[in-house]
Structures are given as structure tokens and as C-alpha cells.
Protein backbone atom coordinates (compact mmCIF):
# COMPACT_ATOMS: atom_id res chain seq x y z
CA MET A 1 -261.76 4.65 176.04
CA ASN A 2 -259.42 1.85 174.98
CA VAL A 3 -255.85 2.35 176.13
CA TYR A 4 -253.17 -0.12 175.07
CA SER A 5 -249.82 -1.19 176.48
CA LEU A 6 -246.48 -0.67 174.78
CA ASP A 7 -246.28 -4.41 174.11
CA ALA A 8 -249.67 -4.49 172.35
CA VAL A 9 -248.85 -1.46 170.20
CA THR A 10 -245.41 -2.70 169.15
CA LYS A 11 -246.81 -6.14 168.27
CA TYR A 12 -249.51 -4.51 166.13
CA LEU A 13 -246.99 -2.28 164.35
CA SER A 14 -244.57 -5.11 163.68
CA THR A 15 -247.13 -7.63 162.40
CA SER A 16 -249.56 -5.47 160.42
CA LYS A 17 -248.89 -5.44 156.67
CA VAL A 18 -251.32 -2.60 155.85
CA ILE A 19 -249.66 0.34 157.66
CA GLU A 20 -248.32 3.10 155.44
CA LYS A 21 -247.11 5.48 158.15
CA ILE A 22 -247.48 6.44 161.77
CA SER A 23 -247.32 9.75 163.55
CA VAL A 24 -247.25 10.48 167.25
CA SER A 25 -249.69 13.31 167.91
CA GLN A 26 -249.17 13.52 171.67
CA ALA A 27 -246.62 12.21 174.16
CA GLU A 28 -246.45 13.48 177.70
CA VAL A 29 -245.47 12.48 181.20
CA ILE A 30 -248.62 12.12 183.29
CA ASP A 31 -247.22 10.75 186.54
CA PHE A 32 -244.19 9.41 188.38
CA ASN A 33 -244.15 6.12 190.27
CA SER A 34 -241.13 5.30 192.44
CA MET A 35 -241.32 1.62 191.41
CA GLU A 36 -241.81 2.00 187.65
CA GLY A 37 -240.51 5.48 186.86
CA PHE A 38 -242.28 8.00 184.67
CA VAL A 39 -245.71 7.18 183.27
CA PHE A 40 -246.24 8.29 179.66
CA PHE A 41 -249.47 8.84 177.76
CA VAL A 42 -249.01 8.60 173.98
CA ARG A 43 -251.44 9.03 171.07
CA VAL A 44 -250.46 7.44 167.76
CA ASN A 45 -252.17 8.04 164.42
CA VAL A 46 -251.84 5.07 162.08
CA THR A 47 -252.37 5.63 158.36
CA THR A 48 -253.24 2.42 156.52
CA GLN A 49 -253.68 1.42 152.90
CA LYS A 50 -256.79 2.78 151.18
CA GLU A 51 -258.88 -0.37 151.67
CA TYR A 52 -258.47 -0.24 155.48
CA LYS A 53 -259.58 2.15 158.21
CA ASN A 54 -256.99 4.46 159.75
CA LYS A 55 -256.54 4.10 163.49
CA ARG A 56 -255.91 6.34 166.47
CA ILE A 57 -254.24 4.44 169.28
CA LYS A 58 -253.88 5.56 172.90
CA MET A 59 -251.04 4.01 174.85
CA ILE A 60 -249.82 4.22 178.43
CA THR A 61 -246.38 2.94 179.35
CA ASN A 62 -243.76 3.30 182.06
CA SER A 63 -240.19 4.44 181.55
CA THR A 64 -238.89 1.11 182.89
CA TYR A 65 -240.32 -0.59 179.79
CA LEU A 66 -238.31 1.74 177.54
CA ASP A 67 -234.84 0.60 178.63
CA PHE A 68 -234.24 -1.04 175.24
CA TYR A 69 -234.42 2.35 173.46
CA LYS A 70 -232.08 5.26 174.21
CA PHE A 71 -234.09 8.49 174.23
CA SER A 72 -232.22 11.51 172.87
CA LYS A 73 -232.00 14.51 175.18
CA ASP A 74 -231.90 16.75 172.09
CA LYS A 75 -235.37 15.66 170.96
CA SER A 76 -238.81 16.14 172.45
CA THR A 77 -240.65 13.29 174.13
CA LYS A 78 -243.03 13.21 171.17
CA GLN A 79 -240.18 12.91 168.63
CA ASN A 80 -238.44 10.22 170.71
CA PHE A 81 -241.61 8.10 170.74
CA GLN A 82 -242.07 8.73 166.99
CA ASP A 83 -238.53 7.47 166.26
CA MET A 84 -238.88 4.49 168.59
CA LEU A 85 -242.25 3.31 167.21
CA GLU A 86 -241.07 3.64 163.60
CA THR A 87 -238.43 0.99 164.32
CA PHE A 88 -241.26 -1.52 164.84
CA LEU A 89 -242.98 -1.02 161.49
CA GLY A 90 -243.10 -4.36 159.65
């Protein structure tokens, strides 16, 4: 199982020119680490143009790497990741 970092996923989303849309299908806290905060597991479905294969990406990241994005307390973890990752689409 290939699992990617937040940095790898955001670079892919920002540089790829064939992505039509993304949707987060799963986002959950899987652990807590006193040094790095909450550990998140996220699944992202990437819909591409017709000539290209769609992708399903698995990502693991820590809450300390999310300081640049303010998560809304009114939204679910899944919706917060959806909103954040959409800002990277190129």
C-alpha cells in the first residue's frame, strides 16, 4: 500500500494540469503523538481528464504540518481536508 505525505500530495495537486476535481472520501484521526500532535489518515479521489487514469491517494500527515491552514470547528475533519486540498489545485 502506497501512502504519501502531505507535501507529496500538495505538490502533485498544484503541478498536475489534468485534474478535473478531487474529493476526500475519508479523513480520520488515527493516533496522537506528543511531539507531532494528531496523526491523520486521508483518502483522496482524484478525477482526471478522460485521457488519463483517475487516482486514489492515501495520505498520512500530522497536525503540526497543518499550521498554515485554519480548520473550521463547524466542519467535519473530512470537509476541512477537502477545502484545504482544493486550494492547491493548479
